Amino acid sequence: MLERLQSLAGVFAFYWVLLVYIVYSWDKPEYSHMADKFSVLLRDNPWFGLFGYVIPGCLVAYQGYVLKQKILGGLVSWLPMIAFISFGIFLAIGGIMPVSSSGEAHILQTFSELGSFFFFLIAALTINAQLKLDLEWKSLHVPNTLLLWLVAIVTFFQEVEGIGGLMNKVAIFGGYFWVAIFSYRSFKLTS
């Protein structure tokens, strides 16, 4: 039973961050879903850092550890799993300091965004080779590739005025959805 619950950490992270985003953006009427980035919600509410970044980021990192045991019977290369775990850690780092006009908070947030994007790309690219070797996981090759391209493409449109915030959220939720797909597959194989 515990093993099945552990397999759902990524699914829980996806729904958790979606729920937290809805609640906190609802509470801030001046927030623009099209123009404002996800991290803008950190400005006035430091609790959003804990609930919107740290908790789901830690769940993603934990999911990477759980997947290491599942893919190829635990014989999966460490590179994609380290990248998967690092992706979660960098997501969590983004919520440590509220975004403000201070330089340190802005630098930390930028470091978190770039680090999580970099490790997402490494994890998604390197895990494809591992998926092809395992018949139980091979079906995730196409969704993995599609989400990799979706997140990579929309990331470059985050600075476009008017739609940058929407592109930012598509990239973030795309990354969490990517984790949820692996999590759900792990859960199905555990049943």
N, C-alpha and C. Protein backbone atom coordinates (compact mmCIF):
# COMPACT_ATOMS: atom_id res chain seq x y z
N MET A 1 0.83 -1.20 0.00
CA MET A 1 0.00 0.00 0.00
C MET A 1 0.87 1.26 0.00
N LEU A 2 1.90 1.24 0.85
CA LEU A 2 2.79 2.40 0.93
C LEU A 2 3.52 2.62 -0.39
N GLU A 3 3.92 1.52 -1.03
CA GLU A 3 4.61 1.63 -2.32
C GLU A 3 3.70 2.26 -3.38
N ARG A 4 2.43 1.92 -3.35
CA ARG A 4 1.48 2.51 -4.31
C ARG A 4 1.31 4.01 -4.04
N LEU A 5 1.25 4.41 -2.79
CA LEU A 5 1.13 5.83 -2.45
C LEU A 5 2.38 6.61 -2.84
N GLN A 6 3.54 6.00 -2.64
CA GLN A 6 4.79 6.65 -3.03
C GLN A 6 4.82 6.89 -4.53
N SER A 7 4.26 5.98 -5.29
CA SER A 7 4.23 6.12 -6.74
C SER A 7 3.39 7.30 -7.20
N LEU A 8 2.50 7.78 -6.36
CA LEU A 8 1.60 8.88 -6.74
C LEU A 8 2.11 10.26 -6.34
N ALA A 9 3.34 10.36 -5.87
CA ALA A 9 3.87 11.66 -5.44
C ALA A 9 3.82 12.69 -6.56
N GLY A 10 4.14 12.31 -7.78
CA GLY A 10 4.12 13.24 -8.90
C GLY A 10 2.72 13.67 -9.30
N VAL A 11 1.77 12.75 -9.25
CA VAL A 11 0.37 13.11 -9.55
C VAL A 11 -0.13 14.09 -8.50
N PHE A 12 0.18 13.80 -7.24
CA PHE A 12 -0.22 14.70 -6.17
C PHE A 12 0.42 16.08 -6.35
N ALA A 13 1.69 16.12 -6.75
CA ALA A 13 2.38 17.41 -6.97
C ALA A 13 1.68 18.22 -8.06
N PHE A 14 1.30 17.57 -9.14
CA PHE A 14 0.62 18.27 -10.24
C PHE A 14 -0.69 18.88 -9.77
N TYR A 15 -1.54 18.07 -9.14
CA TYR A 15 -2.84 18.59 -8.69
C TYR A 15 -2.68 19.60 -7.56
N TRP A 16 -1.69 19.39 -6.71
CA TRP A 16 -1.43 20.31 -5.61
C TRP A 16 -1.06 21.69 -6.14
N VAL A 17 -0.09 21.76 -7.06
CA VAL A 17 0.35 23.06 -7.57
C VAL A 17 -0.77 23.73 -8.37
N LEU A 18 -1.58 22.96 -9.05
CA LEU A 18 -2.72 23.53 -9.78
C LEU A 18 -3.74 24.13 -8.81
N LEU A 19 -4.05 23.41 -7.75
CA LEU A 19 -4.99 23.90 -6.74
C LEU A 19 -4.46 25.15 -6.04
N VAL A 20 -3.19 25.12 -5.66
CA VAL A 20 -2.58 26.27 -4.98
C VAL A 20 -2.59 27.48 -5.91
N TYR A 21 -2.28 27.28 -7.18
CA TYR A 21 -2.30 28.38 -8.14
C TYR A 21 -3.70 28.98 -8.25
N ILE A 22 -4.71 28.15 -8.35
CA ILE A 22 -6.09 28.63 -8.46
C ILE A 22 -6.48 29.42 -7.22
N VAL A 23 -6.20 28.89 -6.05
CA VAL A 23 -6.57 29.55 -4.80
C VAL A 23 -5.86 30.89 -4.66
N TYR A 24 -4.56 30.92 -4.87
CA TYR A 24 -3.80 32.16 -4.65
C TYR A 24 -4.07 33.20 -5.75
N SER A 25 -4.28 32.77 -6.98
CA SER A 25 -4.58 33.75 -8.03
C SER A 25 -6.01 34.29 -7.88
N TRP A 26 -6.90 33.48 -7.35
CA TRP A 26 -8.28 33.92 -7.10
C TRP A 26 -8.29 35.01 -6.02
N ASP A 27 -7.41 34.86 -5.05
CA ASP A 27 -7.32 35.78 -3.93
C ASP A 27 -6.68 37.12 -4.32
N LYS A 28 -6.12 37.20 -5.50
CA LYS A 28 -5.42 38.41 -5.95
C LYS A 28 -6.08 38.90 -7.24
N PRO A 29 -7.12 39.74 -7.14
CA PRO A 29 -7.90 40.13 -8.32
C PRO A 29 -7.10 40.89 -9.38
N GLU A 30 -6.02 41.56 -8.99
CA GLU A 30 -5.24 42.32 -9.97
C GLU A 30 -4.28 41.42 -10.76
N TYR A 31 -4.20 40.16 -10.40
CA TYR A 31 -3.31 39.21 -11.08
C TYR A 31 -3.85 38.91 -12.48
N SER A 32 -3.02 39.07 -13.48
CA SER A 32 -3.41 38.79 -14.87
C SER A 32 -2.87 37.42 -15.27
N HIS A 33 -3.76 36.50 -15.60
CA HIS A 33 -3.34 35.15 -15.99
C HIS A 33 -2.58 35.15 -17.31
N MET A 34 -2.83 36.13 -18.15
CA MET A 34 -2.15 36.20 -19.44
C MET A 34 -0.77 36.85 -19.34
N ALA A 35 -0.65 37.89 -18.54
CA ALA A 35 0.57 38.69 -18.54
C ALA A 35 1.51 38.40 -17.36
N ASP A 36 0.96 38.08 -16.19
CA ASP A 36 1.79 37.90 -15.00
C ASP A 36 2.32 36.48 -14.91
N LYS A 37 3.58 36.37 -14.54
CA LYS A 37 4.19 35.06 -14.37
C LYS A 37 3.73 34.40 -13.07
N PHE A 38 3.97 33.13 -12.98
CA PHE A 38 3.62 32.32 -11.81
C PHE A 38 4.25 32.90 -10.55
N SER A 39 5.50 33.35 -10.65
CA SER A 39 6.25 33.83 -9.49
C SER A 39 5.73 35.15 -8.94
N VAL A 40 4.89 35.87 -9.70
CA VAL A 40 4.33 37.14 -9.21
C VAL A 40 3.49 36.89 -7.96
N LEU A 41 2.91 35.72 -7.84
CA LEU A 41 2.09 35.39 -6.68
C LEU A 41 2.93 35.31 -5.39
N LEU A 42 4.24 35.23 -5.54
CA LEU A 42 5.14 35.20 -4.38
C LEU A 42 5.31 36.58 -3.74
N ARG A 43 5.04 37.63 -4.48
CA ARG A 43 5.34 38.99 -4.00
C ARG A 43 4.65 39.34 -2.70
N ASP A 44 3.37 39.11 -2.63
CA ASP A 44 2.61 39.55 -1.47
C ASP A 44 2.33 38.44 -0.45
N ASN A 45 2.63 37.22 -0.81
CA ASN A 45 2.29 36.13 0.08
C ASN A 45 3.42 35.11 0.15
N PRO A 46 4.23 35.16 1.19
CA PRO A 46 5.33 34.21 1.30
C PRO A 46 4.87 32.75 1.45
N TRP A 47 3.62 32.55 1.89
CA TRP A 47 3.10 31.19 2.01
C TRP A 47 2.98 30.51 0.65
N PHE A 48 2.82 31.31 -0.40
CA PHE A 48 2.76 30.74 -1.74
C PHE A 48 4.08 30.06 -2.09
N GLY A 49 5.19 30.58 -1.56
CA GLY A 49 6.49 29.95 -1.79
C GLY A 49 6.53 28.54 -1.24
N LEU A 50 6.00 28.37 -0.03
CA LEU A 50 5.96 27.05 0.58
C LEU A 50 5.00 26.12 -0.16
N PHE A 51 3.78 26.60 -0.36
CA PHE A 51 2.75 25.74 -0.95
C PHE A 51 2.85 25.60 -2.46
N GLY A 52 3.34 26.62 -3.15
CA GLY A 52 3.38 26.60 -4.61
C GLY A 52 4.71 26.17 -5.20
N TYR A 53 5.77 26.19 -4.38
CA TYR A 53 7.09 25.83 -4.88
C TYR A 53 7.76 24.72 -4.08
N VAL A 54 7.91 24.92 -2.78
CA VAL A 54 8.71 24.01 -1.96
C VAL A 54 8.06 22.63 -1.86
N ILE A 55 6.80 22.57 -1.47
CA ILE A 55 6.14 21.27 -1.30
C ILE A 55 6.06 20.50 -2.62
N PRO A 56 5.53 21.11 -3.71
CA PRO A 56 5.49 20.32 -4.96
C PRO A 56 6.88 20.01 -5.51
N GLY A 57 7.84 20.91 -5.32
CA GLY A 57 9.21 20.63 -5.78
C GLY A 57 9.81 19.44 -5.06
N CYS A 58 9.59 19.36 -3.76
CA CYS A 58 10.08 18.21 -2.98
C CYS A 58 9.38 16.92 -3.41
N LEU A 59 8.10 17.00 -3.72
CA LEU A 59 7.38 15.82 -4.20
C LEU A 59 7.94 15.34 -5.54
N VAL A 60 8.29 16.28 -6.42
CA VAL A 60 8.88 15.92 -7.71
C VAL A 60 10.23 15.25 -7.51
N ALA A 61 11.05 15.81 -6.63
CA ALA A 61 12.37 15.21 -6.35
C ALA A 61 12.19 13.79 -5.79
N TYR A 62 11.25 13.64 -4.88
CA TYR A 62 10.98 12.31 -4.31
C TYR A 62 10.50 11.35 -5.40
N GLN A 63 9.67 11.83 -6.32
CA GLN A 63 9.18 10.99 -7.40
C GLN A 63 10.34 10.49 -8.26
N GLY A 64 11.33 11.34 -8.49
CA GLY A 64 12.51 10.91 -9.23
C GLY A 64 13.22 9.76 -8.54
N TYR A 65 13.31 9.83 -7.23
CA TYR A 65 13.93 8.76 -6.46
C TYR A 65 13.11 7.46 -6.57
N VAL A 66 11.78 7.58 -6.49
CA VAL A 66 10.91 6.41 -6.59
C VAL A 66 11.04 5.78 -7.98
N LEU A 67 11.09 6.61 -9.01
CA LEU A 67 11.19 6.08 -10.38
C LEU A 67 12.50 5.34 -10.62
N LYS A 68 13.55 5.74 -9.94
CA LYS A 68 14.84 5.05 -10.10
C LYS A 68 14.68 3.56 -9.80
N GLN A 69 13.83 3.24 -8.84
CA GLN A 69 13.62 1.85 -8.46
C GLN A 69 12.73 1.10 -9.46
N LYS A 70 11.94 1.83 -10.26
CA LYS A 70 10.92 1.20 -11.09
C LYS A 70 11.36 0.93 -12.52
N ILE A 71 12.02 1.89 -13.15
CA ILE A 71 12.36 1.76 -14.57
C ILE A 71 13.51 0.78 -14.73
N LEU A 72 13.35 -0.15 -15.64
CA LEU A 72 14.33 -1.21 -15.89
C LEU A 72 14.67 -2.00 -14.63
N GLY A 73 13.70 -2.13 -13.75
CA GLY A 73 13.91 -2.89 -12.52
C GLY A 73 15.00 -2.30 -11.64
N GLY A 74 15.16 -0.97 -11.69
CA GLY A 74 16.17 -0.30 -10.88
C GLY A 74 17.51 -0.18 -11.57
N LEU A 75 17.64 -0.71 -12.79
CA LEU A 75 18.92 -0.67 -13.50
C LEU A 75 19.04 0.54 -14.42
N VAL A 76 18.12 1.49 -14.27
CA VAL A 76 18.15 2.69 -15.10
C VAL A 76 19.40 3.51 -14.78
N SER A 77 19.90 4.19 -15.80
CA SER A 77 21.07 5.05 -15.61
C SER A 77 20.76 6.13 -14.58
N TRP A 78 21.78 6.54 -13.84
CA TRP A 78 21.57 7.57 -12.82
C TRP A 78 21.39 8.96 -13.43
N LEU A 79 21.91 9.22 -14.63
CA LEU A 79 21.84 10.56 -15.20
C LEU A 79 20.41 11.10 -15.31
N PRO A 80 19.47 10.36 -15.92
CA PRO A 80 18.11 10.92 -15.98
C PRO A 80 17.47 11.08 -14.60
N MET A 81 17.80 10.19 -13.69
CA MET A 81 17.19 10.27 -12.36
C MET A 81 17.77 11.41 -11.54
N ILE A 82 19.07 11.65 -11.67
CA ILE A 82 19.67 12.80 -10.99
C ILE A 82 19.09 14.09 -11.55
N ALA A 83 18.92 14.14 -12.87
CA ALA A 83 18.32 15.31 -13.50
C ALA A 83 16.87 15.47 -13.04
N PHE A 84 16.13 14.38 -12.93
CA PHE A 84 14.73 14.40 -12.48
C PHE A 84 14.66 14.95 -11.05
N ILE A 85 15.52 14.43 -10.19
CA ILE A 85 15.55 14.88 -8.79
C ILE A 85 15.98 16.34 -8.71
N SER A 86 16.98 16.73 -9.51
CA SER A 86 17.44 18.12 -9.53
C SER A 86 16.36 19.07 -10.04
N PHE A 87 15.56 18.61 -10.98
CA PHE A 87 14.43 19.39 -11.47
C PHE A 87 13.52 19.75 -10.30
N GLY A 88 13.20 18.78 -9.47
CA GLY A 88 12.36 19.02 -8.30
C GLY A 88 13.02 19.93 -7.28
N ILE A 89 14.30 19.74 -7.07
CA ILE A 89 15.02 20.58 -6.10
C ILE A 89 15.03 22.04 -6.56
N PHE A 90 15.28 22.27 -7.84
CA PHE A 90 15.30 23.64 -8.34
C PHE A 90 13.91 24.27 -8.33
N LEU A 91 12.86 23.46 -8.52
CA LEU A 91 11.50 23.99 -8.37
C LEU A 91 11.29 24.45 -6.94
N ALA A 92 11.75 23.66 -5.99
CA ALA A 92 11.58 24.00 -4.57
C ALA A 92 12.39 25.24 -4.18
N ILE A 93 13.56 25.40 -4.74
CA ILE A 93 14.41 26.56 -4.43
C ILE A 93 13.69 27.86 -4.76
N GLY A 94 12.86 27.85 -5.80
CA GLY A 94 12.15 29.06 -6.22
C GLY A 94 11.24 29.65 -5.15
N GLY A 95 10.82 28.86 -4.20
CA GLY A 95 9.91 29.35 -3.17
C GLY A 95 10.56 29.74 -1.87
N ILE A 96 11.87 29.67 -1.81
CA ILE A 96 12.57 29.96 -0.55
C ILE A 96 12.44 31.42 -0.14
N MET A 97 12.63 32.32 -1.09
CA MET A 97 12.55 33.76 -0.79
C MET A 97 11.44 34.39 -1.63
N PRO A 98 10.57 35.19 -1.00
CA PRO A 98 9.54 35.87 -1.78
C PRO A 98 10.16 36.82 -2.80
N VAL A 99 9.58 36.85 -3.98
CA VAL A 99 10.06 37.76 -5.03
C VAL A 99 9.75 39.18 -4.61
N SER A 100 10.75 40.01 -4.60
CA SER A 100 10.57 41.42 -4.25
C SER A 100 11.53 42.22 -5.11
N SER A 101 11.68 43.46 -4.75
CA SER A 101 12.59 44.30 -5.51
C SER A 101 14.04 44.04 -5.13
N SER A 102 14.28 43.23 -4.09
CA SER A 102 15.65 42.97 -3.67
C SER A 102 16.36 42.11 -4.72
N GLY A 103 17.61 42.41 -4.93
CA GLY A 103 18.40 41.71 -5.93
C GLY A 103 18.59 40.24 -5.62
N GLU A 104 18.79 39.90 -4.34
CA GLU A 104 19.04 38.51 -3.97
C GLU A 104 17.84 37.62 -4.30
N ALA A 105 16.65 38.08 -3.98
CA ALA A 105 15.45 37.29 -4.25
C ALA A 105 15.25 37.10 -5.75
N HIS A 106 15.50 38.15 -6.51
CA HIS A 106 15.34 38.06 -7.96
C HIS A 106 16.37 37.10 -8.57
N ILE A 107 17.60 37.18 -8.09
CA ILE A 107 18.65 36.29 -8.58
C ILE A 107 18.33 34.83 -8.23
N LEU A 108 17.86 34.60 -7.01
CA LEU A 108 17.50 33.24 -6.60
C LEU A 108 16.35 32.70 -7.45
N GLN A 109 15.36 33.53 -7.72
CA GLN A 109 14.23 33.10 -8.54
C GLN A 109 14.69 32.77 -9.96
N THR A 110 15.53 33.61 -10.54
CA THR A 110 16.05 33.36 -11.88
C THR A 110 16.90 32.09 -11.90
N PHE A 111 17.73 31.91 -10.88
CA PHE A 111 18.54 30.70 -10.74
C PHE A 111 17.65 29.46 -10.68
N SER A 112 16.57 29.55 -9.94
CA SER A 112 15.63 28.44 -9.81
C SER A 112 14.96 28.12 -11.15
N GLU A 113 14.50 29.16 -11.85
CA GLU A 113 13.82 28.95 -13.13
C GLU A 113 14.76 28.34 -14.16
N LEU A 114 15.95 28.88 -14.28
CA LEU A 114 16.91 28.36 -15.26
C LEU A 114 17.37 26.95 -14.90
N GLY A 115 17.62 26.72 -13.61
CA GLY A 115 18.05 25.39 -13.17
C GLY A 115 16.98 24.34 -13.39
N SER A 116 15.73 24.66 -13.04
CA SER A 116 14.67 23.67 -13.22
C SER A 116 14.44 23.39 -14.71
N PHE A 117 14.51 24.42 -15.55
CA PHE A 117 14.35 24.22 -17.00
C PHE A 117 15.49 23.36 -17.54
N PHE A 118 16.72 23.67 -17.16
CA PHE A 118 17.88 22.91 -17.62
C PHE A 118 17.77 21.44 -17.22
N PHE A 119 17.45 21.17 -15.96
CA PHE A 119 17.38 19.78 -15.51
C PHE A 119 16.15 19.06 -16.06
N PHE A 120 15.08 19.79 -16.32
CA PHE A 120 13.93 19.18 -17.00
C PHE A 120 14.36 18.69 -18.38
N LEU A 121 15.06 19.55 -19.13
CA LEU A 121 15.51 19.16 -20.47
C LEU A 121 16.43 17.94 -20.42
N ILE A 122 17.39 17.95 -19.50
CA ILE A 122 18.32 16.82 -19.37
C ILE A 122 17.55 15.54 -19.02
N ALA A 123 16.64 15.64 -18.05
CA ALA A 123 15.88 14.45 -17.63
C ALA A 123 15.02 13.93 -18.78
N ALA A 124 14.29 14.81 -19.44
CA ALA A 124 13.38 14.37 -20.50
C ALA A 124 14.14 13.80 -21.70
N LEU A 125 15.27 14.39 -22.02
CA LEU A 125 16.06 13.88 -23.15
C LEU A 125 16.72 12.55 -22.83
N THR A 126 17.32 12.43 -21.67
CA THR A 126 18.06 11.21 -21.35
C THR A 126 17.16 10.05 -20.95
N ILE A 127 15.98 10.34 -20.44
CA ILE A 127 15.10 9.24 -20.02
C ILE A 127 14.49 8.53 -21.22
N ASN A 128 14.43 9.20 -22.37
CA ASN A 128 13.88 8.56 -23.57
C ASN A 128 14.63 7.29 -23.93
N ALA A 129 15.96 7.33 -23.87
CA ALA A 129 16.75 6.13 -24.19
C ALA A 129 16.43 5.00 -23.22
N GLN A 130 16.20 5.33 -21.96
CA GLN A 130 15.88 4.32 -20.96
C GLN A 130 14.48 3.73 -21.19
N LEU A 131 13.55 4.59 -21.61
CA LEU A 131 12.18 4.13 -21.83
C LEU A 131 12.10 3.11 -22.96
N LYS A 132 12.90 3.31 -23.98
CA LYS A 132 12.88 2.40 -25.13
C LYS A 132 13.36 1.00 -24.75
N LEU A 133 14.14 0.87 -23.70
CA LEU A 133 14.69 -0.42 -23.29
C LEU A 133 13.75 -1.23 -22.41
N ASP A 134 12.74 -0.59 -21.83
CA ASP A 134 11.84 -1.26 -20.91
C ASP A 134 10.44 -1.33 -21.52
N LEU A 135 9.96 -2.54 -21.77
CA LEU A 135 8.67 -2.72 -22.43
C LEU A 135 7.51 -2.12 -21.64
N GLU A 136 7.61 -2.16 -20.31
CA GLU A 136 6.54 -1.62 -19.48
C GLU A 136 6.47 -0.10 -19.53
N TRP A 137 7.57 0.56 -19.87
CA TRP A 137 7.64 2.02 -19.88
C TRP A 137 7.72 2.60 -21.28
N LYS A 138 7.86 1.74 -22.28
CA LYS A 138 8.07 2.19 -23.66
C LYS A 138 6.93 3.09 -24.16
N SER A 139 5.73 2.88 -23.68
CA SER A 139 4.57 3.67 -24.14
C SER A 139 4.67 5.14 -23.74
N LEU A 140 5.56 5.49 -22.82
CA LEU A 140 5.72 6.89 -22.40
C LEU A 140 6.69 7.66 -23.29
N HIS A 141 7.29 6.99 -24.26
CA HIS A 141 8.27 7.65 -25.12
C HIS A 141 7.63 8.83 -25.88
N VAL A 142 6.48 8.62 -26.50
CA VAL A 142 5.83 9.69 -27.29
C VAL A 142 5.32 10.82 -26.39
N PRO A 143 4.59 10.55 -25.30
CA PRO A 143 4.18 11.67 -24.44
C PRO A 143 5.37 12.44 -23.86
N ASN A 144 6.44 11.72 -23.52
CA ASN A 144 7.64 12.37 -23.01
C ASN A 144 8.21 13.33 -24.04
N THR A 145 8.31 12.88 -25.28
CA THR A 145 8.86 13.72 -26.34
C THR A 145 7.97 14.92 -26.62
N LEU A 146 6.66 14.71 -26.65
CA LEU A 146 5.74 15.83 -26.91
C LEU A 146 5.79 16.88 -25.82
N LEU A 147 5.80 16.45 -24.57
CA LEU A 147 5.88 17.41 -23.46
C LEU A 147 7.23 18.11 -23.42
N LEU A 148 8.28 17.40 -23.77
CA LEU A 148 9.60 18.02 -23.86
C LEU A 148 9.57 19.17 -24.86
N TRP A 149 9.04 18.92 -26.05
CA TRP A 149 8.99 19.97 -27.06
C TRP A 149 8.04 21.09 -26.67
N LEU A 150 6.90 20.76 -26.09
CA LEU A 150 5.95 21.80 -25.66
C LEU A 150 6.59 22.74 -24.66
N VAL A 151 7.19 22.19 -23.62
CA VAL A 151 7.81 23.02 -22.58
C VAL A 151 8.97 23.82 -23.15
N ALA A 152 9.79 23.18 -23.98
CA ALA A 152 10.94 23.88 -24.56
C ALA A 152 10.51 25.05 -25.44
N ILE A 153 9.48 24.85 -26.24
CA ILE A 153 9.04 25.91 -27.16
C ILE A 153 8.38 27.06 -26.40
N VAL A 154 7.44 26.76 -25.51
CA VAL A 154 6.73 27.85 -24.82
C VAL A 154 7.63 28.62 -23.87
N THR A 155 8.70 28.00 -23.41
CA THR A 155 9.63 28.70 -22.53
C THR A 155 10.23 29.93 -23.22
N PHE A 156 10.46 29.83 -24.50
CA PHE A 156 11.06 30.94 -25.23
C PHE A 156 10.08 32.08 -25.49
N PHE A 157 8.81 31.88 -25.21
CA PHE A 157 7.81 32.93 -25.41
C PHE A 157 7.36 33.58 -24.10
N GLN A 158 8.09 33.31 -23.01
CA GLN A 158 7.71 33.86 -21.71
C GLN A 158 7.91 35.35 -21.59
N GLU A 159 8.72 35.91 -22.44
CA GLU A 159 8.99 37.35 -22.37
C GLU A 159 8.15 38.15 -23.36
N VAL A 160 7.26 37.50 -24.10
CA VAL A 160 6.40 38.20 -25.05
C VAL A 160 5.32 38.93 -24.27
N GLU A 161 5.23 40.21 -24.49
CA GLU A 161 4.27 41.02 -23.76
C GLU A 161 2.84 40.59 -24.09
N GLY A 162 2.04 40.49 -23.07
CA GLY A 162 0.63 40.12 -23.24
C GLY A 162 0.36 38.64 -23.04
N ILE A 163 1.28 37.77 -23.48
CA ILE A 163 1.06 36.32 -23.34
C ILE A 163 2.18 35.64 -22.57
N GLY A 164 3.15 36.40 -22.11
CA GLY A 164 4.30 35.81 -21.40
C GLY A 164 3.90 35.04 -20.16
N GLY A 165 2.93 35.56 -19.42
CA GLY A 165 2.47 34.89 -18.22
C GLY A 165 1.80 33.56 -18.54
N LEU A 166 1.01 33.55 -19.59
CA LEU A 166 0.35 32.31 -20.01
C LEU A 166 1.39 31.27 -20.43
N MET A 167 2.38 31.69 -21.20
CA MET A 167 3.42 30.77 -21.64
C MET A 167 4.21 30.23 -20.44
N ASN A 168 4.45 31.09 -19.45
CA ASN A 168 5.13 30.68 -18.23
C ASN A 168 4.35 29.57 -17.53
N LYS A 169 3.05 29.75 -17.44
CA LYS A 169 2.22 28.75 -16.76
C LYS A 169 2.12 27.46 -17.57
N VAL A 170 2.06 27.56 -18.89
CA VAL A 170 2.04 26.35 -19.72
C VAL A 170 3.33 25.56 -19.51
N ALA A 171 4.46 26.26 -19.44
CA ALA A 171 5.73 25.58 -19.21
C ALA A 171 5.76 24.92 -17.82
N ILE A 172 5.32 25.64 -16.81
CA ILE A 172 5.34 25.09 -15.44
C ILE A 172 4.40 23.91 -15.31
N PHE A 173 3.16 24.09 -15.74
CA PHE A 173 2.20 22.99 -15.61
C PHE A 173 2.54 21.84 -16.55
N GLY A 174 3.18 22.14 -17.68
CA GLY A 174 3.65 21.08 -18.58
C GLY A 174 4.71 20.23 -17.90
N GLY A 175 5.62 20.87 -17.18
CA GLY A 175 6.64 20.13 -16.43
C GLY A 175 6.03 19.26 -15.35
N TYR A 176 5.08 19.82 -14.62
CA TYR A 176 4.41 19.03 -13.57
C TYR A 176 3.57 17.90 -14.17
N PHE A 177 2.95 18.16 -15.31
CA PHE A 177 2.17 17.11 -15.98
C PHE A 177 3.09 15.98 -16.44
N TRP A 178 4.27 16.35 -16.92
CA TRP A 178 5.28 15.37 -17.33
C TRP A 178 5.60 14.44 -16.15
N VAL A 179 5.81 15.02 -14.99
CA VAL A 179 6.09 14.24 -13.78
C VAL A 179 4.89 13.36 -13.44
N ALA A 180 3.68 13.92 -13.56
CA ALA A 180 2.47 13.17 -13.22
C ALA A 180 2.29 11.95 -14.12
N ILE A 181 2.66 12.07 -15.39
CA ILE A 181 2.54 10.92 -16.31
C ILE A 181 3.44 9.78 -15.83
N PHE A 182 4.67 10.09 -15.48
CA PHE A 182 5.58 9.06 -14.98
C PHE A 182 5.08 8.50 -13.66
N SER A 183 4.57 9.35 -12.82
CA SER A 183 4.05 8.93 -11.53
C SER A 183 2.87 7.98 -11.69
N TYR A 184 1.95 8.34 -12.58
CA TYR A 184 0.77 7.50 -12.78
C TYR A 184 1.16 6.14 -13.37
N ARG A 185 2.12 6.15 -14.30
CA ARG A 185 2.57 4.89 -14.88
C ARG A 185 3.20 4.00 -13.80
N SER A 186 3.97 4.62 -12.93
CA SER A 186 4.58 3.89 -11.83
C SER A 186 3.51 3.28 -10.93
N PHE A 187 2.46 4.04 -10.67
CA PHE A 187 1.35 3.57 -9.85
C PHE A 187 0.65 2.39 -10.51
N LYS A 188 0.41 2.49 -11.82
CA LYS A 188 -0.27 1.41 -12.53
C LYS A 188 0.57 0.12 -12.52
N LEU A 189 1.87 0.25 -12.61
CA LEU A 189 2.72 -0.92 -12.60
C LEU A 189 2.84 -1.54 -11.22
N THR A 190 2.59 -0.75 -10.19
CA THR A 190 2.66 -1.25 -8.82
C THR A 190 1.40 -2.03 -8.46
N SER A 191 0.26 -1.70 -9.12
CA SER A 191 -1.00 -2.37 -8.76
C SER A 191 -0.99 -3.83 -9.13
